[in-house]
C-alpha atoms as a PDB file:
ATOM      1  CA  MET A   1     205.765 187.871 117.395  1.00  0.00           C
ATOM      2  CA  LYS A   2     204.396 185.547 113.915  1.00  0.00           C
ATOM      3  CA  MET A   3     201.491 183.330 116.225  1.00  0.00           C
ATOM      4  CA  PHE A   4     203.151 179.705 114.402  1.00  0.00           C
ATOM      5  CA  LEU A   5     206.305 180.733 117.356  1.00  0.00           C
ATOM      6  CA  LEU A   6     204.114 181.154 119.880  1.00  0.00           C
ATOM      7  CA  GLU A   7     201.938 178.364 119.466  1.00  0.00           C
ATOM      8  CA  GLY A   8     205.203 175.933 118.350  1.00  0.00           C
ATOM      9  CA  PHE A   9     206.887 176.864 122.541  1.00  0.00           C
ATOM     10  CA  PHE A  10     203.516 176.604 123.896  1.00  0.00           C
ATOM     11  CA  SER A  11     202.648 173.201 122.778  1.00  0.00           C
ATOM     12  CA  HIS A  12     205.851 171.851 124.585  1.00  0.00           C
ATOM     13  CA  THR A  13     205.304 170.098 127.973  1.00  0.00           C
ATOM     14  CA  HIS A  14     207.950 170.868 129.827  1.00  0.00           C
ATOM     15  CA  ASN A  15     208.839 167.722 130.066  1.00  0.00           C
ATOM     16  CA  ALA A  16     208.976 167.159 126.293  1.00  0.00           C
ATOM     17  CA  ALA A  17     211.661 170.358 125.895  1.00  0.00           C
ATOM     18  CA  TRP A  18     213.385 168.595 128.818  1.00  0.00           C
ATOM     19  CA  HIS A  19     214.552 165.866 126.722  1.00  0.00           C
ATOM     20  CA  THR A  20     214.867 168.121 123.495  1.00  0.00           C
ATOM     21  CA  LEU A  21     216.872 169.668 124.994  1.00  0.00           C
ATOM     22  CA  HIS A  22     218.850 166.014 126.325  1.00  0.00           C
ATOM     23  CA  ASN A  23     219.179 165.316 122.580  1.00  0.00           C
ATOM     24  CA  ILE A  24     220.718 167.874 121.407  1.00  0.00           C
ATOM     25  CA  ILE A  25     222.701 168.114 123.765  1.00  0.00           C
ATOM     26  CA  CYS A  26     223.277 163.993 124.732  1.00  0.00           C
ATOM     27  CA  GLY A  27     223.072 164.180 120.432  1.00  0.00           C
ATOM     28  CA  THR A  28     225.440 166.321 119.321  1.00  0.00           C
ATOM     29  CA  ALA A  29     227.348 167.216 121.795  1.00  0.00           C
ATOM     30  CA  ALA A  30     229.596 164.427 121.113  1.00  0.00           C
ATOM     31  CA  LYS A  31     230.037 164.945 117.904  1.00  0.00           C
ATOM     32  CA  ILE A  32     229.667 169.042 117.453  1.00  0.00           C
ATOM     33  CA  GLY A  33     233.732 168.587 116.952  1.00  0.00           C
ATOM     34  CA  SER A  34     234.312 166.529 114.454  1.00  0.00           C
ATOM     35  CA  TYR A  35     231.585 168.092 112.751  1.00  0.00           C
ATOM     36  CA  LEU A  36     233.760 171.632 113.005  1.00  0.00           C
ATOM     37  CA  ASP A  37     236.757 169.278 111.736  1.00  0.00           C
ATOM     38  CA  ALA A  38     235.269 168.959 108.385  1.00  0.00           C
ATOM     39  CA  VAL A  39     234.422 171.734 108.356  1.00  0.00           C
ATOM     40  CA  ARG A  40     237.386 173.078 108.986  1.00  0.00           C
ATOM     41  CA  GLU A  41     239.654 170.766 106.462  1.00  0.00           C
ATOM     42  CA  ASN A  42     237.426 171.579 103.646  1.00  0.00           C
ATOM     43  CA  PRO A  43     238.743 175.380 101.959  1.00  0.00           C
ATOM     44  CA  LYS A  44     235.820 175.349  99.500  1.00  0.00           C
ATOM     45  CA  CYS A  45     233.140 175.400 102.467  1.00  0.00           C
ATOM     46  CA  LYS A  46     233.016 178.437 103.824  1.00  0.00           C
ATOM     47  CA  VAL A  47     231.237 179.723 107.136  1.00  0.00           C
ATOM     48  CA  THR A  48     229.190 182.630 108.077  1.00  0.00           C
ATOM     49  CA  ILE A  49     227.751 182.569 111.834  1.00  0.00           C
ATOM     50  CA  PHE A  50     225.176 184.776 111.969  1.00  0.00           C
ATOM     51  CA  HIS A  51     224.501 185.279 115.665  1.00  0.00           C
ATOM     52  CA  GLY A  52     222.417 188.432 117.945  1.00  0.00           C
ATOM     53  CA  ARG A  53     224.291 191.041 120.142  1.00  0.00           C
ATOM     54  CA  LYS A  54     221.351 190.382 122.446  1.00  0.00           C
ATOM     55  CA  ASP A  55     221.217 186.595 122.070  1.00  0.00           C
ATOM     56  CA  GLU A  56     220.332 184.924 125.794  1.00  0.00           C
ATOM     57  CA  VAL A  57     220.104 181.664 124.165  1.00  0.00           C
ATOM     58  CA  ILE A  58     223.596 180.843 123.505  1.00  0.00           C
ATOM     59  CA  PRO A  59     226.636 183.601 123.775  1.00  0.00           C
ATOM     60  CA  VAL A  60     227.804 185.101 121.722  1.00  0.00           C
ATOM     61  CA  GLU A  61     231.502 184.186 122.444  1.00  0.00           C
ATOM     62  CA  CYS A  62     230.196 180.181 121.553  1.00  0.00           C
ATOM     63  CA  SER A  63     230.119 181.702 117.638  1.00  0.00           C
ATOM     64  CA  TYR A  64     233.681 183.420 118.456  1.00  0.00           C
ATOM     65  CA  GLU A  65     234.796 180.151 119.342  1.00  0.00           C
ATOM     66  CA  VAL A  66     233.452 178.400 116.765  1.00  0.00           C
ATOM     67  CA  GLN A  67     235.893 180.821 114.802  1.00  0.00           C
ATOM     68  CA  LYS A  68     238.465 180.046 116.528  1.00  0.00           C
ATOM     69  CA  ARG A  69     238.354 176.530 115.383  1.00  0.00           C
ATOM     70  CA  ILE A  70     237.470 177.550 112.189  1.00  0.00           C
ATOM     71  CA  PRO A  71     239.661 180.668 111.545  1.00  0.00           C
ATOM     72  CA  ARG A  72     238.115 181.176 107.799  1.00  0.00           C
ATOM     73  CA  ALA A  73     234.923 181.416 109.180  1.00  0.00           C
ATOM     74  CA  LYS A  74     233.397 185.186 109.734  1.00  0.00           C
ATOM     75  CA  VAL A  75     231.629 185.412 112.409  1.00  0.00           C
ATOM     76  CA  ARG A  76     227.941 188.417 112.083  1.00  0.00           C
ATOM     77  CA  VAL A  77     226.834 189.413 114.979  1.00  0.00           C
ATOM     78  CA  ILE A  78     223.267 191.758 114.691  1.00  0.00           C
ATOM     79  CA  ASP A  79     223.169 194.840 117.503  1.00  0.00           C
ATOM     80  CA  ASN A  80     219.771 194.942 118.764  1.00  0.00           C
ATOM     81  CA  LYS A  81     218.356 191.341 117.742  1.00  0.00           C
ATOM     82  CA  ASP A  82     218.291 187.913 119.584  1.00  0.00           C
ATOM     83  CA  HIS A  83     218.185 184.090 118.952  1.00  0.00           C
ATOM     84  CA  ILE A  84     214.611 184.833 117.272  1.00  0.00           C
ATOM     85  CA  THR A  85     214.615 187.947 116.127  1.00  0.00           C
ATOM     86  CA  ILE A  86     217.979 187.935 114.267  1.00  0.00           C
ATOM     87  CA  VAL A  87     215.944 185.974 111.663  1.00  0.00           C
ATOM     88  CA  VAL A  88     211.779 186.601 112.912  1.00  0.00           C
ATOM     89  CA  GLY A  89     211.150 190.841 111.905  1.00  0.00           C
ATOM     90  CA  ARG A  90     214.089 190.979 108.929  1.00  0.00           C
ATOM     91  CA  GLN A  91     213.400 188.213 106.732  1.00  0.00           C
ATOM     92  CA  LYS A  92     214.031 190.458 103.889  1.00  0.00           C
ATOM     93  CA  ALA A  93     217.153 191.457 105.140  1.00  0.00           C
ATOM     94  CA  PHE A  94     218.837 187.567 106.461  1.00  0.00           C
ATOM     95  CA  ALA A  95     217.570 186.062 102.772  1.00  0.00           C
ATOM     96  CA  ARG A  96     219.705 188.822 101.198  1.00  0.00           C
ATOM     97  CA  GLU A  97     222.852 187.924 103.472  1.00  0.00           C
ATOM     98  CA  LEU A  98     222.113 184.918 102.946  1.00  0.00           C
ATOM     99  CA  GLU A  99     221.908 185.397  98.750  1.00  0.00           C
ATOM    100  CA  ASP A 100     224.621 187.943  98.826  1.00  0.00           C
ATOM    101  CA  ILE A 101     226.925 184.283 100.797  1.00  0.00           C
ATOM    102  CA  TRP A 102     225.207 181.732  97.686  1.00  0.00           C
ATOM    103  CA  ASN A 103     226.013 184.277  95.079  1.00  0.00           C
ATOM    104  CA  SER A 104     230.014 184.429  96.482  1.00  0.00           C
ATOM    105  CA  THR A 105     230.323 180.571  96.562  1.00  0.00           C
ATOM    106  CA  LYS A 106     228.924 179.734  92.685  1.00  0.00           C
ATOM    107  CA  GLN A 107     231.703 177.800  90.537  1.00  0.00           C
ATOM    108  CA  ASN A 108     232.706 179.381  87.843  1.00  0.00           C
END
């Protein structure tokens, strides 16, 4: 595990972590539906959701629920990866996947 991840994780106190989680849930949960609607209504906006099959932070079903809301969304479930290792440890592969998305969206 990269040291910056460990340092960031351990630098939070329980109180700070609780407030961060609370702010995310209470601050954005009410807005997320309208955000998804705005993306759904913009057909030029491509959507790809990356999810680690072993993610214990956010269940993979959540990504499929987003796809139900935005049917054109592609869900890419990556085997043997979790919430962190979907990127950490496979940075080059992840970067290539992002580049493929970006290259497919270039306007002529």
